[in-house]
Amino acid sequence: MQDIESQIEHVLERVRPALRMDGGGIELVKYDPDTGAVYVRMQGACVGCPMSQITLKMGIEAALQEVISEITEVIPVENEHEPPS
């Protein structure tokens, strides 16, 4: 079985084309196996877009949870901050 980060990347690859159509993108920053949280960095037009939070929760989080039962939430990380430790 693939490790969870590989599975996350696989799901993100499926949603990236839709984000690119609107000039955006998404990058996996970190998966925390202790909490089940996935940290992502929104890119391009997604940064600061009011719809990105809806896309993140209803689109990306739902897609990840559908495939990977261990995922509890998806948390955006701001570009200017370091990845969470």
C-alpha atoms as a PDB file:
ATOM      1  CA  MET A   1       0.000   0.000   0.000  1.00  0.00           C
ATOM      2  CA  GLN A   2       1.168   3.510  -0.770  1.00  0.00           C
ATOM      3  CA  ASP A   3       2.183   5.736   2.070  1.00  0.00           C
ATOM      4  CA  ILE A   4      -0.358   8.393   2.971  1.00  0.00           C
ATOM      5  CA  GLU A   5       1.664  11.315   1.569  1.00  0.00           C
ATOM      6  CA  SER A   6       1.802   9.558  -1.817  1.00  0.00           C
ATOM      7  CA  GLN A   7      -1.959   9.025  -1.670  1.00  0.00           C
ATOM      8  CA  ILE A   8      -2.456  12.707  -0.800  1.00  0.00           C
ATOM      9  CA  GLU A   9      -0.314  13.758  -3.784  1.00  0.00           C
ATOM     10  CA  HIS A  10      -2.341  11.452  -6.030  1.00  0.00           C
ATOM     11  CA  VAL A  11      -5.607  13.117  -4.934  1.00  0.00           C
ATOM     12  CA  LEU A  12      -4.088  16.608  -5.303  1.00  0.00           C
ATOM     13  CA  GLU A  13      -3.014  15.727  -8.851  1.00  0.00           C
ATOM     14  CA  ARG A  14      -6.680  15.078  -9.645  1.00  0.00           C
ATOM     15  CA  VAL A  15      -7.796  18.515  -8.370  1.00  0.00           C
ATOM     16  CA  ARG A  16      -4.893  20.582  -9.714  1.00  0.00           C
ATOM     17  CA  PRO A  17      -6.240  20.897 -13.291  1.00  0.00           C
ATOM     18  CA  ALA A  18      -9.400  22.613 -11.992  1.00  0.00           C
ATOM     19  CA  LEU A  19      -7.326  24.992  -9.886  1.00  0.00           C
ATOM     20  CA  ARG A  20      -5.021  25.747 -12.838  1.00  0.00           C
ATOM     21  CA  MET A  21      -8.029  26.683 -14.985  1.00  0.00           C
ATOM     22  CA  ASP A  22      -8.603  29.572 -12.579  1.00  0.00           C
ATOM     23  CA  GLY A  23      -4.914  30.477 -12.360  1.00  0.00           C
ATOM     24  CA  GLY A  24      -4.288  28.759  -9.034  1.00  0.00           C
ATOM     25  CA  GLY A  25      -2.576  25.760  -7.565  1.00  0.00           C
ATOM     26  CA  ILE A  26      -1.941  23.785  -4.403  1.00  0.00           C
ATOM     27  CA  GLU A  27       1.157  22.327  -2.787  1.00  0.00           C
ATOM     28  CA  LEU A  28       1.346  19.673  -0.077  1.00  0.00           C
ATOM     29  CA  VAL A  29       3.364  21.089   2.818  1.00  0.00           C
ATOM     30  CA  LYS A  30       3.002  18.348   5.412  1.00  0.00           C
ATOM     31  CA  TYR A  31       0.837  15.491   6.633  1.00  0.00           C
ATOM     32  CA  ASP A  32       0.635  15.061  10.405  1.00  0.00           C
ATOM     33  CA  PRO A  33      -0.096  11.385  11.166  1.00  0.00           C
ATOM     34  CA  ASP A  34      -0.763  12.163  14.844  1.00  0.00           C
ATOM     35  CA  THR A  35      -3.702  14.490  14.109  1.00  0.00           C
ATOM     36  CA  GLY A  36      -4.641  13.439  10.564  1.00  0.00           C
ATOM     37  CA  ALA A  37      -4.228  17.046   9.417  1.00  0.00           C
ATOM     38  CA  VAL A  38      -2.982  17.875   5.939  1.00  0.00           C
ATOM     39  CA  TYR A  39      -1.204  21.217   5.571  1.00  0.00           C
ATOM     40  CA  VAL A  40      -1.303  22.770   2.106  1.00  0.00           C
ATOM     41  CA  ARG A  41      -0.137  25.997   0.508  1.00  0.00           C
ATOM     42  CA  MET A  42      -2.490  27.618  -1.976  1.00  0.00           C
ATOM     43  CA  GLN A  43      -0.741  29.155  -4.990  1.00  0.00           C
ATOM     44  CA  GLY A  44      -1.341  31.701  -7.723  1.00  0.00           C
ATOM     45  CA  ALA A  45      -4.837  33.136  -7.981  1.00  0.00           C
ATOM     46  CA  CYS A  46      -5.965  30.946  -5.057  1.00  0.00           C
ATOM     47  CA  VAL A  47      -3.922  33.061  -2.635  1.00  0.00           C
ATOM     48  CA  GLY A  48      -6.305  35.559  -1.083  1.00  0.00           C
ATOM     49  CA  CYS A  49      -9.283  34.435  -3.174  1.00  0.00           C
ATOM     50  CA  PRO A  50     -12.470  34.436  -1.078  1.00  0.00           C
ATOM     51  CA  MET A  51     -13.593  31.194  -2.750  1.00  0.00           C
ATOM     52  CA  SER A  52     -10.384  29.339  -1.856  1.00  0.00           C
ATOM     53  CA  GLN A  53     -11.649  28.450   1.635  1.00  0.00           C
ATOM     54  CA  ILE A  54     -14.767  26.851   0.131  1.00  0.00           C
ATOM     55  CA  THR A  55     -12.649  25.067  -2.470  1.00  0.00           C
ATOM     56  CA  LEU A  56     -10.325  23.888   0.273  1.00  0.00           C
ATOM     57  CA  LYS A  57     -13.011  22.520   2.615  1.00  0.00           C
ATOM     58  CA  MET A  58     -15.752  21.339   0.260  1.00  0.00           C
ATOM     59  CA  GLY A  59     -13.528  20.275  -2.620  1.00  0.00           C
ATOM     60  CA  ILE A  60     -10.037  19.310  -1.583  1.00  0.00           C
ATOM     61  CA  GLU A  61     -10.752  18.178   1.982  1.00  0.00           C
ATOM     62  CA  ALA A  62     -13.775  16.150   0.860  1.00  0.00           C
ATOM     63  CA  ALA A  63     -11.802  14.524  -1.974  1.00  0.00           C
ATOM     64  CA  LEU A  64      -8.979  13.578   0.395  1.00  0.00           C
ATOM     65  CA  GLN A  65     -11.315  12.198   3.069  1.00  0.00           C
ATOM     66  CA  GLU A  66     -13.176  10.144   0.472  1.00  0.00           C
ATOM     67  CA  VAL A  67      -9.970   8.329  -0.467  1.00  0.00           C
ATOM     68  CA  ILE A  68      -7.976   8.433   2.785  1.00  0.00           C
ATOM     69  CA  SER A  69      -9.942   7.747   5.967  1.00  0.00           C
ATOM     70  CA  GLU A  70      -7.106   8.974   8.202  1.00  0.00           C
ATOM     71  CA  ILE A  71      -7.489  12.587   7.003  1.00  0.00           C
ATOM     72  CA  THR A  72      -9.304  14.717   9.584  1.00  0.00           C
ATOM     73  CA  GLU A  73      -8.885  18.196   8.083  1.00  0.00           C
ATOM     74  CA  VAL A  74      -7.005  20.289   5.548  1.00  0.00           C
ATOM     75  CA  ILE A  75      -5.280  23.413   6.869  1.00  0.00           C
ATOM     76  CA  PRO A  76      -3.942  26.194   4.641  1.00  0.00           C
ATOM     77  CA  VAL A  77      -0.454  27.531   5.353  1.00  0.00           C
ATOM     78  CA  GLU A  78       0.290  31.108   4.332  1.00  0.00           C
ATOM     79  CA  ASN A  79       3.067  31.619   1.766  1.00  0.00           C
ATOM     80  CA  GLU A  80       5.104  33.929   3.939  1.00  0.00           C
ATOM     81  CA  HIS A  81       5.200  31.561   6.922  1.00  0.00           C
ATOM     82  CA  GLU A  82       7.382  28.553   7.456  1.00  0.00           C
ATOM     83  CA  PRO A  83       5.743  25.119   7.220  1.00  0.00           C
ATOM     84  CA  PRO A  84       4.321  23.951  10.553  1.00  0.00           C
ATOM     85  CA  SER A  85       6.669  21.956  12.737  1.00  0.00           C
END
